[in-house]
C-alpha atoms as a PDB file:
ATOM      1  CA  MET A   1    -151.478  84.911 100.259  1.00  0.00           C
ATOM      2  CA  GLN A   2    -153.929  81.577 100.899  1.00  0.00           C
ATOM      3  CA  LYS A   3    -151.693  79.550 100.174  1.00  0.00           C
ATOM      4  CA  GLU A   4    -149.294  80.652 102.583  1.00  0.00           C
ATOM      5  CA  THR A   5    -151.633  80.952 105.178  1.00  0.00           C
ATOM      6  CA  ARG A   6    -152.540  77.823 104.836  1.00  0.00           C
ATOM      7  CA  LYS A   7    -148.948  76.700 105.120  1.00  0.00           C
ATOM      8  CA  LYS A   8    -148.723  78.603 108.382  1.00  0.00           C
ATOM      9  CA  LEU A   9    -151.921  76.913 110.044  1.00  0.00           C
ATOM     10  CA  ILE A  10    -150.652  73.103 108.819  1.00  0.00           C
ATOM     11  CA  GLN A  11    -147.085  74.043 110.414  1.00  0.00           C
ATOM     12  CA  ALA A  12    -148.633  75.556 113.471  1.00  0.00           C
ATOM     13  CA  VAL A  13    -151.020  72.120 113.896  1.00  0.00           C
ATOM     14  CA  MET A  14    -148.360  70.136 113.101  1.00  0.00           C
ATOM     15  CA  ILE A  15    -146.053  71.745 116.470  1.00  0.00           C
ATOM     16  CA  VAL A  16    -149.106  71.564 118.551  1.00  0.00           C
ATOM     17  CA  VAL A  17    -150.116  68.217 118.391  1.00  0.00           C
ATOM     18  CA  ALA A  18    -146.057  67.569 117.778  1.00  0.00           C
ATOM     19  CA  ALA A  19    -145.527  69.310 121.258  1.00  0.00           C
ATOM     20  CA  GLY A  20    -148.548  67.898 123.187  1.00  0.00           C
ATOM     21  CA  LEU A  21    -147.315  64.142 121.900  1.00  0.00           C
ATOM     22  CA  ASN A  22    -143.831  64.888 123.572  1.00  0.00           C
ATOM     23  CA  ILE A  23    -145.905  66.426 126.679  1.00  0.00           C
ATOM     24  CA  TRP A  24    -147.759  63.361 126.596  1.00  0.00           C
ATOM     25  CA  GLY A  25    -144.894  61.101 126.508  1.00  0.00           C
ATOM     26  CA  ILE A  26    -143.452  63.010 129.519  1.00  0.00           C
ATOM     27  CA  LEU A  27    -145.870  63.518 131.375  1.00  0.00           C
ATOM     28  CA  SER A  28    -146.566  59.271 130.974  1.00  0.00           C
ATOM     29  CA  LEU A  29    -142.647  58.433 131.705  1.00  0.00           C
ATOM     30  CA  LEU A  30    -143.075  60.504 135.053  1.00  0.00           C
ATOM     31  CA  GLN A  31    -146.014  58.426 135.552  1.00  0.00           C
ATOM     32  CA  THR A  32    -144.416  55.324 135.402  1.00  0.00           C
ATOM     33  CA  LEU A  33    -141.208  55.896 136.855  1.00  0.00           C
ATOM     34  CA  GLY A  34    -143.652  56.756 139.890  1.00  0.00           C
ATOM     35  CA  THR A  35    -144.265  60.591 140.209  1.00  0.00           C
ATOM     36  CA  ASP A  36    -148.276  61.030 140.132  1.00  0.00           C
ATOM     37  CA  VAL A  37    -149.039  63.349 137.010  1.00  0.00           C
ATOM     38  CA  GLY A  38    -152.673  62.562 137.181  1.00  0.00           C
ATOM     39  CA  LEU A  39    -152.055  59.849 134.414  1.00  0.00           C
ATOM     40  CA  LYS A  40    -155.201  57.349 136.355  1.00  0.00           C
ATOM     41  CA  TYR A  41    -155.499  55.106 133.097  1.00  0.00           C
ATOM     42  CA  PHE A  42    -151.821  53.738 133.699  1.00  0.00           C
ATOM     43  CA  ASP A  43    -153.074  52.304 136.642  1.00  0.00           C
ATOM     44  CA  ALA A  44    -155.464  49.763 134.592  1.00  0.00           C
ATOM     45  CA  PHE A  45    -152.577  48.768 132.827  1.00  0.00           C
ATOM     46  CA  PRO A  46    -151.905  45.182 133.832  1.00  0.00           C
ATOM     47  CA  ASN A  47    -148.079  45.765 133.425  1.00  0.00           C
ATOM     48  CA  LEU A  48    -145.315  48.018 133.929  1.00  0.00           C
ATOM     49  CA  VAL A  49    -144.416  46.781 130.292  1.00  0.00           C
ATOM     50  CA  LEU A  50    -147.567  48.351 128.433  1.00  0.00           C
ATOM     51  CA  ASN A  51    -146.764  51.625 130.433  1.00  0.00           C
ATOM     52  CA  TYR A  52    -143.567  52.182 128.338  1.00  0.00           C
ATOM     53  CA  VAL A  53    -144.944  51.040 125.001  1.00  0.00           C
ATOM     54  CA  VAL A  54    -147.236  54.123 126.104  1.00  0.00           C
ATOM     55  CA  VAL A  55    -144.132  56.232 126.172  1.00  0.00           C
ATOM     56  CA  ILE A  56    -142.105  55.173 123.322  1.00  0.00           C
ATOM     57  CA  ALA A  57    -145.054  55.204 121.220  1.00  0.00           C
ATOM     58  CA  THR A  58    -146.143  58.628 121.748  1.00  0.00           C
ATOM     59  CA  MET A  59    -142.529  60.069 122.061  1.00  0.00           C
ATOM     60  CA  ALA A  60    -141.324  58.576 119.134  1.00  0.00           C
ATOM     61  CA  CYS A  61    -144.554  59.910 117.215  1.00  0.00           C
ATOM     62  CA  GLY A  62    -144.281  63.586 118.500  1.00  0.00           C
ATOM     63  CA  ILE A  63    -140.289  63.552 117.311  1.00  0.00           C
ATOM     64  CA  MET A  64    -141.217  62.268 114.169  1.00  0.00           C
ATOM     65  CA  LEU A  65    -144.071  64.914 113.785  1.00  0.00           C
ATOM     66  CA  MET A  66    -142.150  67.734 115.111  1.00  0.00           C
ATOM     67  CA  SER A  67    -139.315  66.500 112.880  1.00  0.00           C
ATOM     68  CA  ALA A  68    -141.187  66.663 109.907  1.00  0.00           C
ATOM     69  CA  ALA A  69    -142.960  70.114 111.004  1.00  0.00           C
ATOM     70  CA  ALA A  70    -139.223  71.267 110.685  1.00  0.00           C
ATOM     71  CA  GLY A  71    -138.651  70.032 107.478  1.00  0.00           C
ATOM     72  CA  THR A  72    -141.624  72.762 106.172  1.00  0.00           C
ATOM     73  CA  PHE A  73    -139.958  75.795 107.115  1.00  0.00           C
ATOM     74  CA  LYS A  74    -137.028  77.230 104.875  1.00  0.00           C
ATOM     75  CA  GLY A  75    -133.219  77.959 105.885  1.00  0.00           C
ATOM     76  CA  LYS A  76    -131.864  79.104 109.237  1.00  0.00           C
ATOM     77  CA  VAL A  77    -135.279  78.729 110.733  1.00  0.00           C
ATOM     78  CA  LYS A  78    -135.419  74.862 109.001  1.00  0.00           C
ATOM     79  CA  ASN A  79    -131.571  73.961 110.251  1.00  0.00           C
ATOM     80  CA  VAL A  80    -131.849  75.451 113.585  1.00  0.00           C
ATOM     81  CA  PHE A  81    -135.231  74.017 113.820  1.00  0.00           C
ATOM     82  CA  SER A  82    -134.060  70.228 112.626  1.00  0.00           C
ATOM     83  CA  ILE A  83    -131.047  70.598 114.994  1.00  0.00           C
ATOM     84  CA  ALA A  84    -133.026  71.244 118.014  1.00  0.00           C
ATOM     85  CA  VAL A  85    -135.321  68.671 117.380  1.00  0.00           C
ATOM     86  CA  CYS A  86    -132.372  66.189 116.563  1.00  0.00           C
ATOM     87  CA  ALA A  87    -131.105  67.054 120.104  1.00  0.00           C
ATOM     88  CA  TYR A  88    -133.878  66.234 121.868  1.00  0.00           C
ATOM     89  CA  SER A  89    -134.598  63.051 120.302  1.00  0.00           C
ATOM     90  CA  THR A  90    -131.105  62.150 121.189  1.00  0.00           C
ATOM     91  CA  VAL A  91    -130.985  63.435 124.633  1.00  0.00           C
ATOM     92  CA  MET A  92    -134.389  61.292 125.012  1.00  0.00           C
ATOM     93  CA  THR A  93    -133.393  58.109 123.427  1.00  0.00           C
ATOM     94  CA  VAL A  94    -129.826  57.799 125.029  1.00  0.00           C
ATOM     95  CA  PRO A  95    -131.490  56.550 128.061  1.00  0.00           C
ATOM     96  CA  LEU A  96    -133.646  54.512 126.260  1.00  0.00           C
ATOM     97  CA  LEU A  97    -130.771  52.382 124.725  1.00  0.00           C
ATOM     98  CA  LEU A  98    -128.688  52.412 128.064  1.00  0.00           C
ATOM     99  CA  ALA A  99    -131.854  50.881 129.708  1.00  0.00           C
ATOM    100  CA  PHE A 100    -131.916  48.116 127.189  1.00  0.00           C
ATOM    101  CA  ILE A 101    -128.463  47.293 127.141  1.00  0.00           C
ATOM    102  CA  LEU A 102    -128.207  47.404 131.252  1.00  0.00           C
ATOM    103  CA  MET A 103    -131.742  44.945 130.680  1.00  0.00           C
ATOM    104  CA  ILE A 104    -129.387  42.156 129.510  1.00  0.00           C
ATOM    105  CA  PRO A 105    -126.840  41.549 132.720  1.00  0.00           C
ATOM    106  CA  VAL A 106    -129.909  42.494 135.128  1.00  0.00           C
ATOM    107  CA  ALA A 107    -131.926  39.454 133.703  1.00  0.00           C
ATOM    108  CA  ALA A 108    -129.397  37.535 133.402  1.00  0.00           C
ATOM    109  CA  GLY A 109    -128.505  37.983 137.234  1.00  0.00           C
ATOM    110  CA  ALA A 110    -125.770  40.681 137.246  1.00  0.00           C
ATOM    111  CA  SER A 111    -125.907  43.118 140.521  1.00  0.00           C
ATOM    112  CA  MET A 112    -125.599  46.935 139.316  1.00  0.00           C
ATOM    113  CA  PRO A 113    -125.260  49.988 142.003  1.00  0.00           C
ATOM    114  CA  GLU A 114    -128.488  50.355 143.253  1.00  0.00           C
ATOM    115  CA  PHE A 115    -129.486  53.577 141.136  1.00  0.00           C
ATOM    116  CA  LEU A 116    -129.093  51.388 137.960  1.00  0.00           C
ATOM    117  CA  ASP A 117    -130.970  48.422 139.915  1.00  0.00           C
ATOM    118  CA  SER A 118    -134.234  50.461 140.569  1.00  0.00           C
ATOM    119  CA  MET A 119    -134.342  51.721 136.894  1.00  0.00           C
ATOM    120  CA  VAL A 120    -133.659  48.708 135.123  1.00  0.00           C
ATOM    121  CA  GLY A 121    -134.734  46.140 137.898  1.00  0.00           C
ATOM    122  CA  ASP A 122    -138.586  46.571 137.613  1.00  0.00           C
ATOM    123  CA  ILE A 123    -138.898  46.677 133.873  1.00  0.00           C
ATOM    124  CA  VAL A 124    -137.049  43.603 134.016  1.00  0.00           C
ATOM    125  CA  ILE A 125    -138.850  41.726 136.218  1.00  0.00           C
ATOM    126  CA  ALA A 126    -141.927  43.005 134.329  1.00  0.00           C
ATOM    127  CA  PHE A 127    -140.572  41.800 131.009  1.00  0.00           C
ATOM    128  CA  GLN A 128    -140.327  38.377 132.971  1.00  0.00           C
ATOM    129  CA  ILE A 129    -144.158  38.406 134.283  1.00  0.00           C
ATOM    130  CA  PHE A 130    -145.257  39.496 130.669  1.00  0.00           C
ATOM    131  CA  LEU A 131    -143.166  37.286 128.537  1.00  0.00           C
ATOM    132  CA  GLY A 132    -141.551  34.337 131.082  1.00  0.00           C
ATOM    133  CA  GLU A 133    -137.603  33.988 131.942  1.00  0.00           C
ATOM    134  CA  GLY A 134    -136.721  32.377 128.588  1.00  0.00           C
ATOM    135  CA  GLY A 135    -134.755  33.685 125.625  1.00  0.00           C
ATOM    136  CA  VAL A 136    -137.706  35.922 124.249  1.00  0.00           C
ATOM    137  CA  GLN A 137    -136.829  38.075 126.607  1.00  0.00           C
ATOM    138  CA  TYR A 138    -133.289  38.619 125.577  1.00  0.00           C
ATOM    139  CA  LEU A 139    -134.663  38.871 122.123  1.00  0.00           C
ATOM    140  CA  ILE A 140    -136.632  41.644 123.179  1.00  0.00           C
ATOM    141  CA  TYR A 141    -133.964  43.398 124.770  1.00  0.00           C
ATOM    142  CA  CYS A 142    -131.875  43.181 121.725  1.00  0.00           C
ATOM    143  CA  LEU A 143    -134.909  44.288 119.488  1.00  0.00           C
ATOM    144  CA  GLY A 144    -135.250  47.268 121.967  1.00  0.00           C
ATOM    145  CA  ILE A 145    -131.286  48.281 121.882  1.00  0.00           C
ATOM    146  CA  LEU A 146    -131.532  47.992 117.371  1.00  0.00           C
ATOM    147  CA  MET A 147    -134.781  50.250 117.561  1.00  0.00           C
ATOM    148  CA  SER A 148    -133.248  52.378 120.080  1.00  0.00           C
ATOM    149  CA  ILE A 149    -129.979  52.756 117.662  1.00  0.00           C
ATOM    150  CA  VAL A 150    -132.307  53.640 114.812  1.00  0.00           C
ATOM    151  CA  PHE A 151    -134.420  55.958 117.249  1.00  0.00           C
ATOM    152  CA  LEU A 152    -130.001  58.003 117.328  1.00  0.00           C
ATOM    153  CA  ALA A 153    -129.319  57.254 114.034  1.00  0.00           C
ATOM    154  CA  VAL A 154    -132.340  58.095 111.570  1.00  0.00           C
ATOM    155  CA  PRO A 155    -132.761  61.653 113.531  1.00  0.00           C
ATOM    156  CA  ILE A 156    -129.050  62.218 112.894  1.00  0.00           C
ATOM    157  CA  LEU A 157    -129.284  61.250 109.203  1.00  0.00           C
ATOM    158  CA  SER A 158    -132.247  63.276 107.983  1.00  0.00           C
ATOM    159  CA  THR A 159    -130.677  66.493 110.378  1.00  0.00           C
ATOM    160  CA  TYR A 160    -127.285  66.013 108.622  1.00  0.00           C
ATOM    161  CA  CYS A 161    -129.130  65.757 105.005  1.00  0.00           C
ATOM    162  CA  THR A 162    -131.322  68.787 105.676  1.00  0.00           C
ATOM    163  CA  VAL A 163    -128.740  71.044 106.859  1.00  0.00           C
ATOM    164  CA  LYS A 164    -126.253  69.873 104.227  1.00  0.00           C
ATOM    165  CA  GLU A 165    -129.316  70.060 101.795  1.00  0.00           C
ATOM    166  CA  ILE A 166    -128.998  66.396 100.630  1.00  0.00           C
ATOM    167  CA  ASP A 167    -132.352  64.779  98.935  1.00  0.00           C
ATOM    168  CA  ILE A 168    -131.412  61.301 100.201  1.00  0.00           C
ATOM    169  CA  LEU A 169    -134.197  59.799  97.917  1.00  0.00           C
ATOM    170  CA  LYS A 170    -132.119  61.461  95.276  1.00  0.00           C
ATOM    171  CA  VAL A 171    -129.051  60.839  96.633  1.00  0.00           C
ATOM    172  CA  LEU A 172    -130.051  56.773  96.664  1.00  0.00           C
ATOM    173  CA  LYS A 173    -131.448  56.992  92.635  1.00  0.00           C
ATOM    174  CA  GLY A 174    -127.938  58.559  91.877  1.00  0.00           C
ATOM    175  CA  LYS A 175    -128.242  62.037  91.846  1.00  0.00           C
ATOM    176  CA  LYS A 176    -126.459  64.129  94.671  1.00  0.00           C
ATOM    177  CA  LYS A 177    -127.758  67.113  96.049  1.00  0.00           C
ATOM    178  CA  ALA A 178    -131.158  68.790  96.298  1.00  0.00           C
ATOM    179  CA  GLU A 179    -132.604  71.371  93.425  1.00  0.00           C
END
């Protein structure tokens, strides 16, 4: 009984910390987008890029921890929880991927519809202030696209393996199913 209680406590702590990180990430995103949610420390950052680094880092940590928490359950709870985290991760990552893709033509001077330009234009300007207008910014955008693809692919693959009860490490070693 003691071991089961400890496991439930660890699960609860993981979920609470993960939820806190996700909430902090969403609030950070809202603050970065101009909605005052009371995160005054963001005013101290000298560049908008650093705000987005905080958003991406907190959201990534929160999603990974929530996914790990989902993996501690069994049966249908584990599957449903894993699928829900994967869906949430996908919904949060698709705009990130699109933003990095759109930054390339905006940085090159292409005109965008007003709503897209206002979404991406400020970030491009911040990157140009931070990195200059050379090729480094395009390298960062390409690395951001790659990061976003990884942020999309890993949870989807992980969830698929969880639901199908495939131990990816054993598959890589030549065995098929989890035991």
